[in-house]
Amino acid sequence: MNRNGIFRLLLVLFLSCGALAGTAQGQSPTPDKVGQWSLGPFFDVAAINTLVLPSGKVMFYPGNTMTGDNSRLWDPSTNTLTSLALAGYDLFCNGHSFLRDGTILMPGGNLQTPFYGLPNASIYNPVTNVWTRLPDMNGARWYPSVTTMGTGNALVMTGMIDPTQGENPLPQVWEPSTASWRNLTNALLKIYTYSWVYTTPFRNAIVVGPRPTTRYLDISGTGTWTNLTTFNFQGTPTYGGTRDYGSSVMYSPWTILIAGGSQPPTNTAEILDLSQPNPTWKYTNPMAFPRRHHTLVLLPDDTVLAVGGTSGDGFNDTTSPVYAAESWNIYNQKWTTMASQTVGRFYHGNAVLLPDGRVLSMGGDFAYQSEIYSPPYLFKGPRPTITSAPTSVPYTQPFFVATPDVASISQVRLIRLPANTHAFDQNQRILQLTFTKTTGGLNVNSCGDRHRCPPGHYMLFIRNVNDIPSVAKIIQIG
């Protein structure tokens, strides 16, 4: 081949490579498919516990590297950060759940030494910024689980007493009506710290992990445990089937998803349907990445977002971050890899849904830089709007939601305010509400059953036929 022929061949190859590169670029994921991450505020403390308040503002506090009695309040609308009142003791690795009136039950804490808990309990009022000490619990609790029940009472269980005694075996129920603790003395059992606990339509609680055995707890009287089923996940011969620092969500009043956890981390996921005559865990599709220390977040488009974590073996391998988020569709049960963060989220990381439909990812030891995820639905067209909604509604009475977008609305969702720590949100759940269309808005049927919809504050989203949700209005149910 002569020189001209060689030149023409090289030119063809160059143009072909350019065309292929252009095609590849044209096919690269776009925000309307995978969403988009952006840097959020750089905070002065690293969040370990994060809660979205009835005001829509975000409360968080640190621990481990400093005392947990350093609560902050971030306002997403103004991007301002303020310090909150002090509780008077170290909140590091305590529990939290919203009560009926929007106050927060905060049991447990740390005695300045890891694995030593506190018997302290308080209620924090986010409106008045006041902490109210309650009677001490029966004993110390570090890493307790807290669950607001349909009755408005709150179940508190587990949490470390100290390294010698281990987990506190006595479940207790906080009774707001009498301002006292009720001991479930017939239900003494040591369960995993920060267990994943939900209230069920059966009026009891269910513990779905991280240990393999799934149990119901009847909280009436002095309490009764009933074993239900076990995970399919077997883990390794040396570590077993515990999914510690995996995550879990209840994505309907009857159905629960668990994903990841263990050592080495697994990418497997399982679902449990409590409406079945004999509920058993069933594998669903696995995540693309093994994860540990990640968080599952319920979104208003009926997807579940997996955020952060590590794929490395050991307790907290910070050399193997999982930057890519993943989205699980509750209908086809498939995972889709989404956009990637730039900050690794490991032990003590958090992720919570904001009322505007974005997801705030923050925290972890020494992690002061937050990131905010905008899901694909924020890039698919105009959002429907809620022009007015009641601030509180009863269980059995329909309520009116005003919107100029009546014709296009297809779904209404309630998502309970987030309260996240240690890879699990002790408060969030999602409910589907039925409705009828009328002039100027929607007549929405309230959730009807307090055991499917525990009393308290929820984000109310309306969604159009393109699965684009509104900005939420926060309403009080019950």
Protein backbone atom coordinates (compact mmCIF):
# COMPACT_ATOMS: atom_id res chain seq x y z
CA MET A 1 0.00 0.00 0.00
CA ASN A 2 1.40 3.40 -0.95
CA ARG A 3 1.65 6.43 1.31
CA ASN A 4 -1.67 7.91 0.09
CA GLY A 5 -3.45 4.61 0.75
CA ILE A 6 -2.06 4.45 4.27
CA PHE A 7 -3.14 8.04 4.91
CA ARG A 8 -6.69 7.32 3.68
CA LEU A 9 -6.90 4.20 5.87
CA LEU A 10 -5.77 6.12 8.95
CA LEU A 11 -8.27 8.87 8.17
CA VAL A 12 -11.11 6.34 7.91
CA LEU A 13 -10.09 4.73 11.20
CA PHE A 14 -9.89 8.14 12.91
CA LEU A 15 -13.32 9.19 11.69
CA SER A 16 -14.78 5.80 12.62
CA CYS A 17 -13.38 6.06 16.15
CA GLY A 18 -14.77 9.57 16.45
CA ALA A 19 -18.18 8.37 15.32
CA LEU A 20 -18.11 5.50 17.79
CA ALA A 21 -17.04 7.84 20.59
CA GLY A 22 -19.85 10.21 19.70
CA THR A 23 -22.34 7.31 19.74
CA ALA A 24 -21.07 6.17 23.11
CA GLN A 25 -21.38 9.70 24.46
CA GLY A 26 -24.88 9.96 23.04
CA GLN A 27 -25.85 6.79 24.90
CA SER A 28 -24.35 7.83 28.23
CA PRO A 29 -26.88 7.91 31.08
CA THR A 30 -28.72 11.17 31.53
CA PRO A 31 -30.30 12.61 34.70
CA ASP A 32 -33.80 11.65 33.55
CA LYS A 33 -32.61 8.02 33.60
CA VAL A 34 -30.18 7.84 36.54
CA GLY A 35 -30.71 11.05 38.48
CA GLN A 36 -27.98 13.46 39.51
CA TRP A 37 -25.81 14.07 42.58
CA SER A 38 -24.60 17.49 43.67
CA LEU A 39 -22.60 18.67 46.65
CA GLY A 40 -24.66 19.91 49.57
CA PRO A 41 -23.51 21.92 52.59
CA PHE A 42 -20.23 21.27 54.35
CA PHE A 43 -21.36 20.89 57.96
CA ASP A 44 -19.35 21.53 61.12
CA VAL A 45 -20.20 18.13 62.66
CA ALA A 46 -20.51 14.68 61.09
CA ALA A 47 -24.08 13.41 61.32
CA ILE A 48 -24.75 10.02 62.91
CA ASN A 49 -28.49 10.47 63.55
CA THR A 50 -30.63 12.41 61.05
CA LEU A 51 -34.34 13.31 61.24
CA VAL A 52 -36.65 15.34 58.99
CA LEU A 53 -38.89 17.41 61.26
CA PRO A 54 -42.56 18.39 60.76
CA SER A 55 -41.26 21.82 59.70
CA GLY A 56 -39.40 20.22 56.78
CA LYS A 57 -36.06 21.14 58.37
CA VAL A 58 -33.39 18.54 59.12
CA MET A 59 -32.15 17.79 62.63
CA PHE A 60 -28.91 15.87 63.05
CA TYR A 61 -26.26 15.21 65.66
CA PRO A 62 -22.81 13.59 65.85
CA GLY A 63 -21.01 11.24 68.22
CA ASN A 64 -18.03 8.91 68.38
CA THR A 65 -15.45 11.63 67.64
CA MET A 66 -17.23 14.06 69.99
CA THR A 67 -20.24 14.05 72.32
CA GLY A 68 -23.58 13.48 70.63
CA ASP A 69 -25.10 16.36 72.57
CA ASN A 70 -24.43 18.76 69.69
CA SER A 71 -27.66 18.81 67.68
CA ARG A 72 -27.89 20.95 64.57
CA LEU A 73 -30.80 22.17 62.45
CA TRP A 74 -30.42 22.64 58.70
CA ASP A 75 -33.06 24.49 56.69
CA PRO A 76 -33.02 23.23 53.06
CA SER A 77 -35.03 26.24 51.85
CA THR A 78 -32.53 28.83 53.13
CA ASN A 79 -29.41 26.65 53.49
CA THR A 80 -28.92 27.92 57.05
CA LEU A 81 -27.47 25.92 59.94
CA THR A 82 -28.21 26.58 63.61
CA SER A 83 -27.34 24.86 66.88
CA LEU A 84 -30.18 23.40 68.93
CA ALA A 85 -30.69 23.15 72.68
CA LEU A 86 -28.63 20.60 74.61
CA ALA A 87 -30.13 17.42 76.04
CA GLY A 88 -27.70 17.40 78.95
CA TYR A 89 -26.17 13.98 78.22
CA ASP A 90 -24.43 12.17 75.37
CA LEU A 91 -26.96 11.14 72.66
CA PHE A 92 -24.34 9.14 70.75
CA CYS A 93 -26.01 6.06 69.24
CA ASN A 94 -29.39 6.55 70.90
CA GLY A 95 -32.77 5.69 69.36
CA HIS A 96 -35.49 7.97 68.04
CA SER A 97 -39.03 7.88 66.73
CA PHE A 98 -41.69 10.53 66.16
CA LEU A 99 -44.72 10.51 68.44
CA ARG A 100 -48.27 11.49 67.54
CA ASP A 101 -47.79 15.21 68.21
CA GLY A 102 -44.54 15.61 66.29
CA THR A 103 -42.27 15.41 69.32
CA ILE A 104 -39.48 12.84 69.27
CA LEU A 105 -38.90 10.07 71.80
CA MET A 106 -35.14 9.76 72.36
CA PRO A 107 -34.16 6.78 74.56
CA GLY A 108 -30.64 5.72 75.42
CA GLY A 109 -27.23 7.17 74.72
CA ASN A 110 -23.60 6.67 75.61
CA LEU A 111 -21.65 6.73 78.86
CA GLN A 112 -18.60 8.21 77.08
CA THR A 113 -17.15 4.73 76.57
CA PRO A 114 -18.15 2.47 73.65
CA PHE A 115 -20.59 -0.32 74.55
CA TYR A 116 -21.69 1.40 77.76
CA GLY A 117 -25.25 2.66 77.48
CA LEU A 118 -27.41 5.12 79.40
CA PRO A 119 -30.86 4.52 80.94
CA ASN A 120 -31.78 8.11 80.07
CA ALA A 121 -34.79 8.98 77.94
CA SER A 122 -36.08 12.35 76.77
CA ILE A 123 -38.68 13.88 74.52
CA TYR A 124 -37.49 16.61 72.19
CA ASN A 125 -40.01 19.24 71.03
CA PRO A 126 -38.83 20.66 67.68
CA VAL A 127 -41.30 23.55 67.87
CA THR A 128 -40.14 24.88 71.24
CA ASN A 129 -36.56 23.50 71.01
CA VAL A 130 -36.96 22.02 74.49
CA TRP A 131 -35.76 18.68 75.87
CA THR A 132 -37.89 17.05 78.58
CA ARG A 133 -36.32 14.28 80.65
CA LEU A 134 -38.51 11.24 81.22
CA PRO A 135 -38.32 8.60 83.93
CA ASP A 136 -35.28 6.42 83.36
CA MET A 137 -35.76 3.11 81.58
CA ASN A 138 -35.24 -0.19 83.39
CA GLY A 139 -31.58 -0.14 82.41
CA ALA A 140 -29.05 1.27 80.01
CA ARG A 141 -29.51 1.13 76.21
CA TRP A 142 -26.85 1.93 73.59
CA TYR A 143 -28.07 1.23 70.01
CA PRO A 144 -31.76 0.77 70.95
CA SER A 145 -34.59 0.30 68.46
CA VAL A 146 -37.68 2.53 68.78
CA THR A 147 -40.99 1.95 67.01
CA THR A 148 -44.12 4.12 67.22
CA MET A 149 -47.12 1.79 67.33
CA GLY A 150 -50.65 2.27 66.03
CA THR A 151 -51.88 3.08 69.52
CA GLY A 152 -49.50 6.04 69.69
CA ASN A 153 -47.33 4.25 72.25
CA ALA A 154 -43.67 3.63 71.47
CA LEU A 155 -41.89 0.29 71.75
CA VAL A 156 -38.25 0.43 72.89
CA MET A 157 -36.10 -2.67 72.86
CA THR A 158 -32.51 -3.94 72.87
CA GLY A 159 -29.48 -1.65 73.20
CA MET A 160 -26.25 -2.50 75.00
CA ILE A 161 -26.14 -2.21 78.77
CA ASP A 162 -22.36 -2.75 78.94
CA PRO A 163 -19.82 -5.24 77.52
CA THR A 164 -20.43 -7.71 80.34
CA GLN A 165 -24.24 -7.78 80.35
CA GLY A 166 -24.67 -7.29 76.60
CA GLU A 167 -28.06 -6.34 75.15
CA ASN A 168 -30.89 -5.18 77.39
CA PRO A 169 -33.38 -8.10 77.18
CA LEU A 170 -36.46 -6.25 78.48
CA PRO A 171 -38.73 -4.56 75.90
CA GLN A 172 -40.50 -1.49 77.28
CA VAL A 173 -43.44 0.56 76.03
CA TRP A 174 -43.58 4.31 76.57
CA GLU A 175 -47.18 5.27 77.43
CA PRO A 176 -47.69 8.99 76.68
CA SER A 177 -51.10 8.98 78.38
CA THR A 178 -49.57 8.09 81.75
CA ALA A 179 -46.02 9.36 81.11
CA SER A 180 -44.63 6.02 82.26
CA TRP A 181 -42.88 2.87 81.07
CA ARG A 182 -44.69 -0.45 80.81
CA ASN A 183 -42.37 -3.47 81.07
CA LEU A 184 -42.95 -6.50 78.83
CA THR A 185 -41.67 -8.90 81.48
CA ASN A 186 -42.98 -11.98 79.68
CA ALA A 187 -40.96 -11.12 76.58
CA LEU A 188 -37.41 -11.10 77.93
CA LEU A 189 -35.08 -11.80 74.99
CA LYS A 190 -31.71 -10.48 73.88
CA ILE A 191 -32.02 -9.33 70.29
CA TYR A 192 -29.56 -7.59 67.99
CA THR A 193 -28.85 -3.93 68.70
CA TYR A 194 -30.58 -1.50 66.32
CA SER A 195 -32.83 -4.32 65.11
CA TRP A 196 -35.17 -3.58 62.20
CA VAL A 197 -38.60 -3.33 63.82
CA TYR A 198 -41.99 -2.38 62.33
CA THR A 199 -45.55 -2.11 63.53
CA THR A 200 -47.90 -4.37 61.54
CA PRO A 201 -51.61 -4.36 60.63
CA PHE A 202 -51.97 -7.20 63.16
CA ARG A 203 -51.44 -4.65 65.99
CA ASN A 204 -48.12 -6.18 66.96
CA ALA A 205 -44.48 -5.47 66.16
CA ILE A 206 -42.23 -7.52 63.91
CA VAL A 207 -38.44 -7.84 64.14
CA VAL A 208 -37.08 -8.65 60.67
CA GLY A 209 -33.32 -8.53 61.22
CA PRO A 210 -30.42 -8.22 61.14
CA ARG A 211 -30.38 -11.69 62.75
CA PRO A 212 -31.93 -14.47 60.64
CA THR A 213 -34.95 -15.27 62.85
CA THR A 214 -38.03 -13.12 62.19
CA ARG A 215 -40.34 -12.70 65.18
CA TYR A 216 -43.63 -11.07 66.11
CA LEU A 217 -43.90 -9.28 69.45
CA ASP A 218 -47.37 -8.81 70.95
CA ILE A 219 -46.97 -5.69 73.11
CA SER A 220 -50.24 -6.08 75.02
CA GLY A 221 -50.02 -6.91 78.72
CA THR A 222 -46.57 -8.20 79.57
CA GLY A 223 -45.70 -9.16 75.99
CA THR A 224 -45.39 -12.38 73.97
CA TRP A 225 -42.88 -13.44 71.31
CA THR A 226 -43.84 -15.68 68.36
CA ASN A 227 -41.29 -17.00 65.87
CA LEU A 228 -42.37 -16.56 62.26
CA THR A 229 -39.65 -17.48 59.73
CA THR A 230 -35.95 -17.12 58.90
CA PHE A 231 -33.83 -15.62 56.10
CA ASN A 232 -32.85 -17.64 53.05
CA PHE A 233 -29.43 -15.96 53.22
CA GLN A 234 -26.92 -18.31 54.88
CA GLY A 235 -23.81 -16.12 54.84
CA THR A 236 -20.49 -17.86 55.45
CA PRO A 237 -19.71 -20.82 57.73
CA THR A 238 -17.64 -18.55 60.00
CA TYR A 239 -19.98 -15.53 60.06
CA GLY A 240 -23.42 -17.04 59.58
CA GLY A 241 -26.56 -15.54 58.09
CA THR A 242 -26.75 -12.29 60.07
CA ARG A 243 -27.25 -9.29 57.77
CA ASP A 244 -25.73 -6.75 60.15
CA TYR A 245 -25.47 -3.25 58.68
CA GLY A 246 -27.64 -4.20 55.78
CA SER A 247 -30.83 -2.18 55.46
CA SER A 248 -34.59 -2.66 55.37
CA VAL A 249 -37.79 -0.84 54.42
CA MET A 250 -41.52 -1.57 54.72
CA TYR A 251 -42.77 -0.63 51.24
CA SER A 252 -46.44 -1.31 51.94
CA PRO A 253 -48.26 -2.08 55.22
CA TRP A 254 -47.73 -5.78 54.45
CA THR A 255 -44.43 -6.06 52.59
CA ILE A 256 -40.82 -5.67 53.71
CA LEU A 257 -37.53 -5.55 51.77
CA ILE A 258 -34.12 -6.37 53.24
CA ALA A 259 -30.91 -5.96 51.26
CA GLY A 260 -27.19 -6.37 51.79
CA GLY A 261 -25.24 -6.53 55.03
CA SER A 262 -23.05 -9.29 56.52
CA GLN A 263 -19.31 -9.97 56.27
CA PRO A 264 -18.23 -10.09 53.52
CA PRO A 265 -21.07 -7.88 52.28
CA THR A 266 -23.73 -9.51 50.14
CA ASN A 267 -25.71 -8.09 47.23
CA THR A 268 -28.68 -10.38 47.90
CA ALA A 269 -32.12 -9.05 48.80
CA GLU A 270 -35.24 -10.71 50.20
CA ILE A 271 -38.90 -9.77 50.60
CA LEU A 272 -41.53 -10.82 53.14
CA ASP A 273 -45.28 -10.56 52.51
CA LEU A 274 -47.17 -10.56 55.80
CA SER A 275 -50.53 -10.87 54.04
CA GLN A 276 -49.77 -14.47 53.10
CA PRO A 277 -51.14 -17.32 55.27
CA ASN A 278 -47.62 -18.52 56.10
CA PRO A 279 -45.20 -15.66 55.40
CA THR A 280 -41.69 -16.69 54.38
CA TRP A 281 -38.74 -14.71 53.08
CA LYS A 282 -38.23 -14.97 49.32
CA TYR A 283 -35.25 -13.87 47.31
CA THR A 284 -35.83 -10.97 44.98
CA ASN A 285 -33.33 -9.73 42.38
CA PRO A 286 -29.88 -8.93 43.82
CA MET A 287 -28.28 -5.50 43.82
CA ALA A 288 -25.46 -4.84 41.36
CA PHE A 289 -23.07 -4.24 44.26
CA PRO A 290 -22.54 -5.98 47.59
CA ARG A 291 -23.22 -3.37 50.28
CA ARG A 292 -22.74 -2.88 54.00
CA HIS A 293 -23.48 0.36 55.90
CA HIS A 294 -25.81 1.54 53.13
CA THR A 295 -29.29 2.99 53.62
CA LEU A 296 -32.55 2.17 51.83
CA VAL A 297 -34.78 5.20 51.22
CA LEU A 298 -38.44 5.13 50.14
CA LEU A 299 -39.22 7.51 47.27
CA PRO A 300 -42.64 8.89 46.22
CA ASP A 301 -42.48 7.22 42.78
CA ASP A 302 -42.72 3.77 44.45
CA THR A 303 -39.04 2.98 44.21
CA VAL A 304 -36.49 2.23 46.90
CA LEU A 305 -33.09 3.92 46.68
CA ALA A 306 -29.96 2.22 48.02
CA VAL A 307 -27.38 4.83 49.02
CA GLY A 308 -23.72 4.37 49.92
CA GLY A 309 -22.04 1.56 51.80
CA THR A 310 -18.91 -0.49 51.31
CA SER A 311 -18.28 -3.70 49.35
CA GLY A 312 -15.16 -4.52 51.34
CA ASP A 313 -14.92 -7.27 53.93
CA GLY A 314 -14.62 -6.57 57.64
CA PHE A 315 -16.59 -4.24 59.87
CA ASN A 316 -15.98 -0.96 58.02
CA ASP A 317 -13.73 -1.18 54.96
CA THR A 318 -13.39 2.43 53.78
CA THR A 319 -11.19 1.40 50.85
CA SER A 320 -14.11 -0.12 48.93
CA PRO A 321 -16.86 2.52 48.73
CA VAL A 322 -19.97 1.98 46.64
CA TYR A 323 -20.50 5.36 45.02
CA ALA A 324 -23.32 4.36 42.67
CA ALA A 325 -26.85 4.47 44.02
CA GLU A 326 -29.32 1.77 43.01
CA SER A 327 -33.08 1.94 42.55
CA TRP A 328 -35.45 -0.98 43.25
CA ASN A 329 -38.87 -0.93 41.61
CA ILE A 330 -41.48 -2.37 43.98
CA TYR A 331 -43.58 -3.69 41.07
CA ASN A 332 -41.08 -5.51 38.84
CA GLN A 333 -38.57 -5.98 41.69
CA LYS A 334 -35.62 -5.03 39.51
CA TRP A 335 -32.60 -2.96 40.53
CA THR A 336 -31.27 -0.20 38.29
CA THR A 337 -27.85 1.38 38.78
CA MET A 338 -28.17 5.13 39.18
CA ALA A 339 -25.80 8.11 39.34
CA SER A 340 -22.72 8.01 41.57
CA GLN A 341 -21.79 10.03 44.62
CA THR A 342 -18.31 11.45 45.11
CA VAL A 343 -18.15 11.00 48.91
CA GLY A 344 -17.99 7.51 50.40
CA ARG A 345 -20.67 6.70 52.99
CA PHE A 346 -19.67 4.06 55.47
CA TYR A 347 -20.30 3.34 59.16
CA HIS A 348 -22.55 6.09 60.63
CA GLY A 349 -23.63 7.38 57.21
CA ASN A 350 -27.21 8.58 56.69
CA ALA A 351 -29.66 9.16 53.86
CA VAL A 352 -33.12 10.73 54.17
CA LEU A 353 -35.88 11.86 51.82
CA LEU A 354 -36.52 15.61 51.82
CA PRO A 355 -40.01 17.09 51.31
CA ASP A 356 -38.95 18.44 47.90
CA GLY A 357 -38.36 14.87 46.68
CA ARG A 358 -34.55 14.95 46.82
CA VAL A 359 -32.40 12.69 49.01
CA LEU A 360 -29.89 14.08 51.49
CA SER A 361 -26.82 11.86 52.01
CA MET A 362 -24.54 12.84 54.86
CA GLY A 363 -22.48 11.74 57.80
CA GLY A 364 -20.20 8.92 58.61
CA ASP A 365 -17.17 9.37 60.86
CA PHE A 366 -15.22 12.48 59.83
CA ALA A 367 -17.54 13.03 56.83
CA TYR A 368 -18.65 16.67 56.94
CA GLN A 369 -19.48 17.10 53.26
CA SER A 370 -23.09 16.31 52.41
CA GLU A 371 -24.44 15.39 48.98
CA ILE A 372 -27.94 15.70 47.55
CA TYR A 373 -29.47 13.31 45.04
CA SER A 374 -32.07 14.49 42.56
CA PRO A 375 -33.98 11.40 41.32
CA PRO A 376 -34.88 10.96 37.64
CA TYR A 377 -38.44 12.22 38.22
CA LEU A 378 -37.05 15.73 38.74
CA PHE A 379 -35.83 15.79 35.13
CA LYS A 380 -38.93 14.47 33.34
CA GLY A 381 -41.09 17.57 33.08
CA PRO A 382 -43.17 19.98 35.15
CA ARG A 383 -44.13 18.85 38.63
CA PRO A 384 -47.72 18.81 39.84
CA THR A 385 -48.36 21.24 42.68
CA ILE A 386 -50.31 21.16 45.91
CA THR A 387 -51.69 24.62 46.55
CA SER A 388 -53.28 23.70 49.88
CA ALA A 389 -53.81 20.73 52.17
CA PRO A 390 -54.94 20.42 55.80
CA THR A 391 -52.28 20.40 58.49
CA SER A 392 -53.97 17.49 60.28
CA VAL A 393 -56.60 14.91 59.39
CA PRO A 394 -58.46 12.15 61.27
CA TYR A 395 -58.26 8.49 60.30
CA THR A 396 -61.76 8.06 58.89
CA GLN A 397 -62.66 11.38 57.26
CA PRO A 398 -61.70 12.27 53.65
CA PHE A 399 -59.73 15.47 53.20
CA PHE A 400 -59.36 17.93 50.35
CA VAL A 401 -56.08 18.59 48.54
CA ALA A 402 -56.18 21.58 46.21
CA THR A 403 -54.20 21.35 42.98
CA PRO A 404 -54.43 22.98 39.55
CA ASP A 405 -53.28 19.66 38.06
CA VAL A 406 -56.35 17.56 38.87
CA ALA A 407 -56.68 16.01 35.42
CA SER A 408 -53.15 14.53 35.40
CA ILE A 409 -53.00 13.19 38.97
CA SER A 410 -52.83 9.40 39.18
CA GLN A 411 -51.46 8.61 42.66
CA VAL A 412 -51.35 9.94 46.22
CA ARG A 413 -48.67 8.79 48.66
CA LEU A 414 -47.88 9.29 52.34
CA ILE A 415 -44.30 8.80 53.53
CA ARG A 416 -43.66 8.99 57.27
CA LEU A 417 -40.97 11.45 58.33
CA PRO A 418 -37.48 9.90 58.24
CA ALA A 419 -35.43 9.18 61.37
CA ASN A 420 -32.26 7.43 60.20
CA THR A 421 -29.18 6.01 61.87
CA HIS A 422 -26.89 2.99 61.43
CA ALA A 423 -28.24 1.90 58.03
CA PHE A 424 -31.88 1.83 59.15
CA ASP A 425 -34.71 4.35 59.36
CA GLN A 426 -36.70 3.71 62.54
CA ASN A 427 -39.64 5.82 61.34
CA GLN A 428 -40.20 5.71 57.57
CA ARG A 429 -43.01 3.84 55.80
CA ILE A 430 -45.08 4.52 52.69
CA LEU A 431 -48.84 4.29 52.17
CA GLN A 432 -51.00 4.46 49.08
CA LEU A 433 -54.15 6.56 49.45
CA THR A 434 -57.24 6.36 47.25
CA PHE A 435 -58.98 9.50 46.05
CA THR A 436 -61.61 10.96 43.75
CA LYS A 437 -61.20 13.99 41.54
CA THR A 438 -63.37 17.06 41.98
CA THR A 439 -63.34 20.69 40.94
CA GLY A 440 -60.09 22.29 42.02
CA GLY A 441 -58.55 19.28 43.67
CA LEU A 442 -58.77 15.79 45.15
CA ASN A 443 -60.96 14.26 47.83
CA VAL A 444 -58.43 11.94 49.46
CA ASN A 445 -59.47 9.04 51.67
CA SER A 446 -57.46 8.99 54.87
CA CYS A 447 -55.53 5.83 55.71
CA GLY A 448 -58.30 4.54 57.95
CA ASP A 449 -56.31 2.11 60.08
CA ARG A 450 -53.89 3.39 62.71
CA HIS A 451 -52.06 0.05 62.73
CA ARG A 452 -51.18 0.46 59.07
CA CYS A 453 -50.58 4.16 59.51
CA PRO A 454 -49.23 4.98 63.00
CA PRO A 455 -50.27 8.44 64.21
CA GLY A 456 -47.88 11.27 63.48
CA HIS A 457 -46.56 13.42 60.65
CA TYR A 458 -46.21 12.33 57.03
CA MET A 459 -45.07 13.83 53.76
CA LEU A 460 -48.07 13.98 51.41
CA PHE A 461 -47.14 13.68 47.72
CA ILE A 462 -49.41 13.74 44.68
CA ARG A 463 -48.09 12.15 41.49
CA ASN A 464 -49.06 12.63 37.86
CA VAL A 465 -49.43 10.13 35.02
CA ASN A 466 -45.73 10.55 34.19
CA ASP A 467 -44.82 9.41 37.73
CA ILE A 468 -43.58 12.88 38.64
CA PRO A 469 -44.33 13.76 42.28
CA SER A 470 -45.14 17.14 43.76
CA VAL A 471 -43.26 18.85 46.51
CA ALA A 472 -44.75 17.38 49.68
CA LYS A 473 -47.05 18.98 52.18
CA ILE A 474 -46.43 17.72 55.72
CA ILE A 475 -49.63 16.65 57.46
CA GLN A 476 -50.45 15.06 60.78
CA ILE A 477 -52.48 11.83 60.68
CA GLY A 478 -54.63 10.87 63.63
